[in-house]
Amino acid sequence: MKKNYLLILLCILVSIFAWTIENQNIVEQFLMFSGDNFFEGKVWTSITALFVHGDPAHLIGNMFFLYVFGNTLEDVVGAKKTMAVFFFGGISSFLLSLLFYRPDVLMIGASAAIFTLTAVVMLTKPLKFSMLFMLPVGLVAIIYFIYNVIAVYYGVGGNVAYASHIIGFILGIPFGMALSPKWARNLLITMALLILYVAVTLALSTFFSFTLPSPF
């Protein structure tokens, strides 16, 4: 059994525990990451927070990505290196996020760690086709990275830590370069996929804008 499934199981179990426990102060103080918690000595929260998710939609969305990218990377580089990438990316992203968020802001979820995985997969196995996303995984990785960059640039609000996602992705780049002797070629492949994707999308949108009848 893939070790990545253990990460998925932990995310599910810890999240359910966090949702159902009556005293939510315990979750906030001992499971969630924040600058306040970390500097009070609760350094373990940089790990436990990776497995806590805010609601079922947050959990399900992350688990789709973790399933696709975690399994893909584990197939390529093995379980130990995949686990190392996941935990390094997640913990480091939380710590570096303190530069962008107030110390009282609570941070949870595996998103940043998963973004680290996506960057490594992009540089190691970009053409692997995902039936869940119906796209090559390298293309999925770069699209979601660009989406988060745009969200930060335009100051999109809400409870999503877009800056942490970007940090996680950037942290994955040196791992991908180290784990793939063909990382430069794979990056070019990803860029070519992105250009093709944009071109096809624009062509289809233009075609349908001309062919659809006007409602007026």
C-alpha atoms as a PDB file:
ATOM      1  CA  MET A   1       0.000   0.000   0.000  1.00  0.00           C
ATOM      2  CA  LYS A   2       1.242   3.459  -0.856  1.00  0.00           C
ATOM      3  CA  LYS A   3       2.360   5.577   2.107  1.00  0.00           C
ATOM      4  CA  ASN A   4       0.489   8.485   0.524  1.00  0.00           C
ATOM      5  CA  TYR A   5      -2.750   6.760   1.524  1.00  0.00           C
ATOM      6  CA  LEU A   6      -1.654   7.072   5.153  1.00  0.00           C
ATOM      7  CA  LEU A   7      -1.386  10.843   4.706  1.00  0.00           C
ATOM      8  CA  ILE A   8      -4.903  10.914   3.254  1.00  0.00           C
ATOM      9  CA  LEU A   9      -6.228   8.779   6.113  1.00  0.00           C
ATOM     10  CA  LEU A  10      -4.571  11.004   8.718  1.00  0.00           C
ATOM     11  CA  CYS A  11      -6.078  14.106   7.117  1.00  0.00           C
ATOM     12  CA  ILE A  12      -9.530  12.547   7.245  1.00  0.00           C
ATOM     13  CA  LEU A  13      -9.281  11.269  10.825  1.00  0.00           C
ATOM     14  CA  VAL A  14      -7.696  14.389  12.322  1.00  0.00           C
ATOM     15  CA  SER A  15     -10.139  16.659  10.504  1.00  0.00           C
ATOM     16  CA  ILE A  16     -13.153  14.675  11.732  1.00  0.00           C
ATOM     17  CA  PHE A  17     -11.752  14.808  15.257  1.00  0.00           C
ATOM     18  CA  ALA A  18     -11.292  18.578  14.993  1.00  0.00           C
ATOM     19  CA  TRP A  19     -14.843  19.063  13.706  1.00  0.00           C
ATOM     20  CA  THR A  20     -16.504  16.923  16.373  1.00  0.00           C
ATOM     21  CA  ILE A  21     -14.599  17.800  19.545  1.00  0.00           C
ATOM     22  CA  GLU A  22     -16.777  19.919  21.803  1.00  0.00           C
ATOM     23  CA  ASN A  23     -14.048  22.244  23.069  1.00  0.00           C
ATOM     24  CA  GLN A  24     -12.797  24.016  19.948  1.00  0.00           C
ATOM     25  CA  ASN A  25     -10.256  25.941  22.021  1.00  0.00           C
ATOM     26  CA  ILE A  26      -8.276  22.718  22.310  1.00  0.00           C
ATOM     27  CA  VAL A  27      -8.132  22.436  18.526  1.00  0.00           C
ATOM     28  CA  GLU A  28      -7.097  26.056  18.075  1.00  0.00           C
ATOM     29  CA  GLN A  29      -4.450  25.983  20.794  1.00  0.00           C
ATOM     30  CA  PHE A  30      -2.939  22.538  20.274  1.00  0.00           C
ATOM     31  CA  LEU A  31      -3.591  21.465  16.673  1.00  0.00           C
ATOM     32  CA  MET A  32      -3.700  24.632  14.557  1.00  0.00           C
ATOM     33  CA  PHE A  33      -0.616  26.583  13.527  1.00  0.00           C
ATOM     34  CA  SER A  34      -0.151  30.269  14.233  1.00  0.00           C
ATOM     35  CA  GLY A  35       2.713  32.546  15.110  1.00  0.00           C
ATOM     36  CA  ASP A  36       1.327  32.879  18.627  1.00  0.00           C
ATOM     37  CA  ASN A  37       1.155  29.110  19.111  1.00  0.00           C
ATOM     38  CA  PHE A  38       4.578  28.523  17.614  1.00  0.00           C
ATOM     39  CA  PHE A  39       6.371  31.146  19.705  1.00  0.00           C
ATOM     40  CA  GLU A  40       4.600  29.911  22.815  1.00  0.00           C
ATOM     41  CA  GLY A  41       6.475  26.641  22.299  1.00  0.00           C
ATOM     42  CA  LYS A  42       3.774  24.645  20.529  1.00  0.00           C
ATOM     43  CA  VAL A  43       6.115  23.798  17.684  1.00  0.00           C
ATOM     44  CA  TRP A  44       4.305  20.531  16.984  1.00  0.00           C
ATOM     45  CA  THR A  45       1.400  22.518  15.551  1.00  0.00           C
ATOM     46  CA  SER A  46       3.485  23.014  12.380  1.00  0.00           C
ATOM     47  CA  ILE A  47       2.879  19.287  11.820  1.00  0.00           C
ATOM     48  CA  THR A  48      -0.579  18.697  13.292  1.00  0.00           C
ATOM     49  CA  ALA A  49      -2.040  21.662  11.391  1.00  0.00           C
ATOM     50  CA  LEU A  50      -1.217  19.905   8.127  1.00  0.00           C
ATOM     51  CA  PHE A  51      -3.923  17.335   8.875  1.00  0.00           C
ATOM     52  CA  VAL A  52      -6.669  19.677  10.121  1.00  0.00           C
ATOM     53  CA  HIS A  53      -9.119  21.028   7.540  1.00  0.00           C
ATOM     54  CA  GLY A  54     -11.787  23.651   7.968  1.00  0.00           C
ATOM     55  CA  ASP A  55     -14.771  21.804   6.508  1.00  0.00           C
ATOM     56  CA  PRO A  56     -15.628  18.820   4.267  1.00  0.00           C
ATOM     57  CA  ALA A  57     -15.212  20.848   1.053  1.00  0.00           C
ATOM     58  CA  HIS A  58     -11.715  21.929   2.114  1.00  0.00           C
ATOM     59  CA  LEU A  59     -10.809  18.351   3.005  1.00  0.00           C
ATOM     60  CA  ILE A  60     -12.237  16.746  -0.141  1.00  0.00           C
ATOM     61  CA  GLY A  61     -10.585  19.277  -2.446  1.00  0.00           C
ATOM     62  CA  ASN A  62      -7.190  18.785  -0.842  1.00  0.00           C
ATOM     63  CA  MET A  63      -7.525  15.007  -0.825  1.00  0.00           C
ATOM     64  CA  PHE A  64      -8.203  14.954  -4.570  1.00  0.00           C
ATOM     65  CA  PHE A  65      -4.946  16.815  -5.130  1.00  0.00           C
ATOM     66  CA  LEU A  66      -3.028  14.746  -2.578  1.00  0.00           C
ATOM     67  CA  TYR A  67      -4.293  11.527  -4.148  1.00  0.00           C
ATOM     68  CA  VAL A  68      -3.207  12.532  -7.649  1.00  0.00           C
ATOM     69  CA  PHE A  69       0.093  14.244  -6.917  1.00  0.00           C
ATOM     70  CA  GLY A  70       1.147  12.192  -3.888  1.00  0.00           C
ATOM     71  CA  ASN A  71       0.593   8.899  -5.685  1.00  0.00           C
ATOM     72  CA  THR A  72       2.291  10.145  -8.850  1.00  0.00           C
ATOM     73  CA  LEU A  73       5.389  11.292  -6.988  1.00  0.00           C
ATOM     74  CA  GLU A  74       5.538   8.142  -4.874  1.00  0.00           C
ATOM     75  CA  ASP A  75       5.505   6.057  -8.057  1.00  0.00           C
ATOM     76  CA  VAL A  76       8.429   8.088  -9.416  1.00  0.00           C
ATOM     77  CA  VAL A  77      10.735   8.665  -6.423  1.00  0.00           C
ATOM     78  CA  GLY A  78       9.433   6.330  -3.713  1.00  0.00           C
ATOM     79  CA  ALA A  79       7.630   6.755  -0.407  1.00  0.00           C
ATOM     80  CA  LYS A  80      10.466   8.161   1.724  1.00  0.00           C
ATOM     81  CA  LYS A  81      11.279  11.026  -0.629  1.00  0.00           C
ATOM     82  CA  THR A  82       7.592  11.790  -1.137  1.00  0.00           C
ATOM     83  CA  MET A  83       7.052  11.991   2.633  1.00  0.00           C
ATOM     84  CA  ALA A  84      10.144  14.191   2.985  1.00  0.00           C
ATOM     85  CA  VAL A  85       8.861  16.580   0.318  1.00  0.00           C
ATOM     86  CA  PHE A  86       5.388  16.706   1.878  1.00  0.00           C
ATOM     87  CA  PHE A  87       6.515  17.449   5.428  1.00  0.00           C
ATOM     88  CA  PHE A  88       9.337  19.809   4.473  1.00  0.00           C
ATOM     89  CA  GLY A  89       7.034  21.767   2.180  1.00  0.00           C
ATOM     90  CA  GLY A  90       4.198  21.907   4.682  1.00  0.00           C
ATOM     91  CA  ILE A  91       6.231  22.826   7.760  1.00  0.00           C
ATOM     92  CA  SER A  92       8.430  25.330   5.940  1.00  0.00           C
ATOM     93  CA  SER A  93       5.416  26.972   4.298  1.00  0.00           C
ATOM     94  CA  PHE A  94       3.775  27.506   7.675  1.00  0.00           C
ATOM     95  CA  LEU A  95       6.939  29.056   9.085  1.00  0.00           C
ATOM     96  CA  LEU A  96       7.591  31.287   6.089  1.00  0.00           C
ATOM     97  CA  SER A  97       3.932  32.340   6.054  1.00  0.00           C
ATOM     98  CA  LEU A  98       4.565  34.157   9.317  1.00  0.00           C
ATOM     99  CA  LEU A  99       6.189  36.843   7.159  1.00  0.00           C
ATOM    100  CA  PHE A 100       2.823  37.498   5.492  1.00  0.00           C
ATOM    101  CA  TYR A 101       0.189  36.871   8.166  1.00  0.00           C
ATOM    102  CA  ARG A 102      -0.414  38.240  11.650  1.00  0.00           C
ATOM    103  CA  PRO A 103       0.773  36.013  14.521  1.00  0.00           C
ATOM    104  CA  ASP A 104      -2.810  35.434  15.672  1.00  0.00           C
ATOM    105  CA  VAL A 105      -3.953  34.085  12.282  1.00  0.00           C
ATOM    106  CA  LEU A 106      -4.661  30.362  12.490  1.00  0.00           C
ATOM    107  CA  MET A 107      -3.427  28.253   9.573  1.00  0.00           C
ATOM    108  CA  ILE A 108      -4.531  24.717   8.769  1.00  0.00           C
ATOM    109  CA  GLY A 109      -4.619  22.243   5.922  1.00  0.00           C
ATOM    110  CA  ALA A 110      -2.301  20.270   3.680  1.00  0.00           C
ATOM    111  CA  SER A 111      -2.619  22.723   0.777  1.00  0.00           C
ATOM    112  CA  ALA A 112       0.877  24.213   0.939  1.00  0.00           C
ATOM    113  CA  ALA A 113       2.476  20.783   1.354  1.00  0.00           C
ATOM    114  CA  ILE A 114       0.476  19.550  -1.634  1.00  0.00           C
ATOM    115  CA  PHE A 115       1.642  22.524  -3.680  1.00  0.00           C
ATOM    116  CA  THR A 116       5.208  21.448  -2.914  1.00  0.00           C
ATOM    117  CA  LEU A 117       4.325  18.013  -4.295  1.00  0.00           C
ATOM    118  CA  THR A 118       2.791  19.557  -7.424  1.00  0.00           C
ATOM    119  CA  ALA A 119       5.974  21.475  -8.217  1.00  0.00           C
ATOM    120  CA  VAL A 120       8.083  18.333  -7.881  1.00  0.00           C
ATOM    121  CA  VAL A 121       5.683  16.308 -10.035  1.00  0.00           C
ATOM    122  CA  MET A 122       5.721  19.074 -12.651  1.00  0.00           C
ATOM    123  CA  LEU A 123       9.504  18.681 -12.939  1.00  0.00           C
ATOM    124  CA  THR A 124       9.560  14.878 -12.793  1.00  0.00           C
ATOM    125  CA  LYS A 125       6.427  13.520 -14.515  1.00  0.00           C
ATOM    126  CA  PRO A 126       4.537  16.374 -16.231  1.00  0.00           C
ATOM    127  CA  LEU A 127       2.885  14.241 -18.910  1.00  0.00           C
ATOM    128  CA  LYS A 128       1.247  11.775 -16.495  1.00  0.00           C
ATOM    129  CA  PHE A 129      -2.447  12.017 -17.337  1.00  0.00           C
ATOM    130  CA  SER A 130      -4.909  12.362 -14.463  1.00  0.00           C
ATOM    131  CA  MET A 131      -8.352  10.892 -14.998  1.00  0.00           C
ATOM    132  CA  LEU A 132      -9.659  12.970 -12.082  1.00  0.00           C
ATOM    133  CA  PHE A 133      -8.621  16.268 -13.650  1.00  0.00           C
ATOM    134  CA  MET A 134      -8.746  15.031 -17.266  1.00  0.00           C
ATOM    135  CA  LEU A 135      -5.439  16.843 -17.877  1.00  0.00           C
ATOM    136  CA  PRO A 136      -1.707  16.086 -17.632  1.00  0.00           C
ATOM    137  CA  VAL A 137      -0.552  16.649 -14.046  1.00  0.00           C
ATOM    138  CA  GLY A 138       2.140  19.126 -15.072  1.00  0.00           C
ATOM    139  CA  LEU A 139      -0.506  21.330 -16.637  1.00  0.00           C
ATOM    140  CA  VAL A 140      -2.733  21.079 -13.555  1.00  0.00           C
ATOM    141  CA  ALA A 141       0.206  22.106 -11.363  1.00  0.00           C
ATOM    142  CA  ILE A 142       1.133  25.218 -13.334  1.00  0.00           C
ATOM    143  CA  ILE A 143      -2.502  26.321 -13.796  1.00  0.00           C
ATOM    144  CA  TYR A 144      -3.183  26.262 -10.071  1.00  0.00           C
ATOM    145  CA  PHE A 145       0.110  27.985  -9.317  1.00  0.00           C
ATOM    146  CA  ILE A 146      -0.786  30.809 -11.720  1.00  0.00           C
ATOM    147  CA  TYR A 147      -4.270  31.012 -10.208  1.00  0.00           C
ATOM    148  CA  ASN A 148      -2.781  31.548  -6.749  1.00  0.00           C
ATOM    149  CA  VAL A 149      -0.330  34.156  -8.039  1.00  0.00           C
ATOM    150  CA  ILE A 150      -3.239  36.059  -9.605  1.00  0.00           C
ATOM    151  CA  ALA A 151      -5.225  35.768  -6.366  1.00  0.00           C
ATOM    152  CA  VAL A 152      -2.352  37.285  -4.369  1.00  0.00           C
ATOM    153  CA  TYR A 153      -1.744  39.998  -6.962  1.00  0.00           C
ATOM    154  CA  TYR A 154      -5.376  41.122  -6.888  1.00  0.00           C
ATOM    155  CA  GLY A 155      -5.686  40.756  -3.119  1.00  0.00           C
ATOM    156  CA  VAL A 156      -8.393  38.108  -3.172  1.00  0.00           C
ATOM    157  CA  GLY A 157      -9.716  37.773   0.363  1.00  0.00           C
ATOM    158  CA  GLY A 158     -11.349  34.907   2.208  1.00  0.00           C
ATOM    159  CA  ASN A 159      -9.941  32.119   4.322  1.00  0.00           C
ATOM    160  CA  VAL A 160      -7.534  30.742   1.704  1.00  0.00           C
ATOM    161  CA  ALA A 161      -3.822  31.302   2.351  1.00  0.00           C
ATOM    162  CA  TYR A 162      -2.826  31.918  -1.261  1.00  0.00           C
ATOM    163  CA  ALA A 163       0.617  33.195  -0.256  1.00  0.00           C
ATOM    164  CA  SER A 164       1.311  29.923   1.573  1.00  0.00           C
ATOM    165  CA  HIS A 165       0.397  27.962  -1.553  1.00  0.00           C
ATOM    166  CA  ILE A 166       2.887  29.971  -3.587  1.00  0.00           C
ATOM    167  CA  ILE A 167       5.568  29.430  -0.950  1.00  0.00           C
ATOM    168  CA  GLY A 168       4.890  25.690  -0.992  1.00  0.00           C
ATOM    169  CA  PHE A 169       5.175  25.540  -4.773  1.00  0.00           C
ATOM    170  CA  ILE A 170       8.444  27.502  -4.814  1.00  0.00           C
ATOM    171  CA  LEU A 171       9.890  25.208  -2.139  1.00  0.00           C
ATOM    172  CA  GLY A 172       9.183  22.255  -4.410  1.00  0.00           C
ATOM    173  CA  ILE A 173      11.275  23.583  -7.301  1.00  0.00           C
ATOM    174  CA  PRO A 174      14.714  22.663  -5.881  1.00  0.00           C
ATOM    175  CA  PHE A 175      13.385  19.228  -4.911  1.00  0.00           C
ATOM    176  CA  GLY A 176      12.164  18.675  -8.461  1.00  0.00           C
ATOM    177  CA  MET A 177      15.506  19.787  -9.880  1.00  0.00           C
ATOM    178  CA  ALA A 178      17.357  17.423  -7.549  1.00  0.00           C
ATOM    179  CA  LEU A 179      15.076  14.449  -8.157  1.00  0.00           C
ATOM    180  CA  SER A 180      14.833  14.708 -11.940  1.00  0.00           C
ATOM    181  CA  PRO A 181      17.857  14.836 -14.264  1.00  0.00           C
ATOM    182  CA  LYS A 182      15.457  15.980 -17.001  1.00  0.00           C
ATOM    183  CA  TRP A 183      13.792  18.772 -15.012  1.00  0.00           C
ATOM    184  CA  ALA A 184      14.625  21.462 -17.613  1.00  0.00           C
ATOM    185  CA  ARG A 185      13.019  19.440 -20.394  1.00  0.00           C
ATOM    186  CA  ASN A 186      10.011  18.732 -18.182  1.00  0.00           C
ATOM    187  CA  LEU A 187       9.634  22.425 -17.411  1.00  0.00           C
ATOM    188  CA  LEU A 188       9.637  23.188 -21.138  1.00  0.00           C
ATOM    189  CA  ILE A 189       7.024  20.485 -21.657  1.00  0.00           C
ATOM    190  CA  THR A 190       4.871  22.064 -18.976  1.00  0.00           C
ATOM    191  CA  MET A 191       5.184  25.501 -20.550  1.00  0.00           C
ATOM    192  CA  ALA A 192       4.285  24.036 -23.950  1.00  0.00           C
ATOM    193  CA  LEU A 193       1.219  22.360 -22.418  1.00  0.00           C
ATOM    194  CA  LEU A 194       0.191  25.661 -20.859  1.00  0.00           C
ATOM    195  CA  ILE A 195       0.537  27.557 -24.139  1.00  0.00           C
ATOM    196  CA  LEU A 196      -1.472  24.868 -25.946  1.00  0.00           C
ATOM    197  CA  TYR A 197      -4.135  24.895 -23.223  1.00  0.00           C
ATOM    198  CA  VAL A 198      -4.512  28.684 -23.403  1.00  0.00           C
ATOM    199  CA  ALA A 199      -4.612  28.615 -27.212  1.00  0.00           C
ATOM    200  CA  VAL A 200      -7.285  25.904 -27.308  1.00  0.00           C
ATOM    201  CA  THR A 201      -9.336  27.641 -24.614  1.00  0.00           C
ATOM    202  CA  LEU A 202      -9.235  30.968 -26.471  1.00  0.00           C
ATOM    203  CA  ALA A 203     -10.060  29.291 -29.773  1.00  0.00           C
ATOM    204  CA  LEU A 204     -13.050  27.464 -28.303  1.00  0.00           C
ATOM    205  CA  SER A 205     -14.345  30.558 -26.520  1.00  0.00           C
ATOM    206  CA  THR A 206     -14.056  32.551 -29.737  1.00  0.00           C
ATOM    207  CA  PHE A 207     -15.762  29.815 -31.757  1.00  0.00           C
ATOM    208  CA  PHE A 208     -18.714  29.468 -29.388  1.00  0.00           C
ATOM    209  CA  SER A 209     -19.121  33.224 -29.037  1.00  0.00           C
ATOM    210  CA  PHE A 210     -19.680  33.373 -32.803  1.00  0.00           C
ATOM    211  CA  THR A 211     -21.849  30.262 -33.134  1.00  0.00           C
ATOM    212  CA  LEU A 212     -24.186  30.603 -30.159  1.00  0.00           C
ATOM    213  CA  PRO A 213     -27.413  32.425 -31.096  1.00  0.00           C
ATOM    214  CA  SER A 214     -28.095  35.732 -29.407  1.00  0.00           C
ATOM    215  CA  PRO A 215     -30.968  35.613 -26.867  1.00  0.00           C
ATOM    216  CA  PHE A 216     -32.098  39.091 -28.019  1.00  0.00           C
END
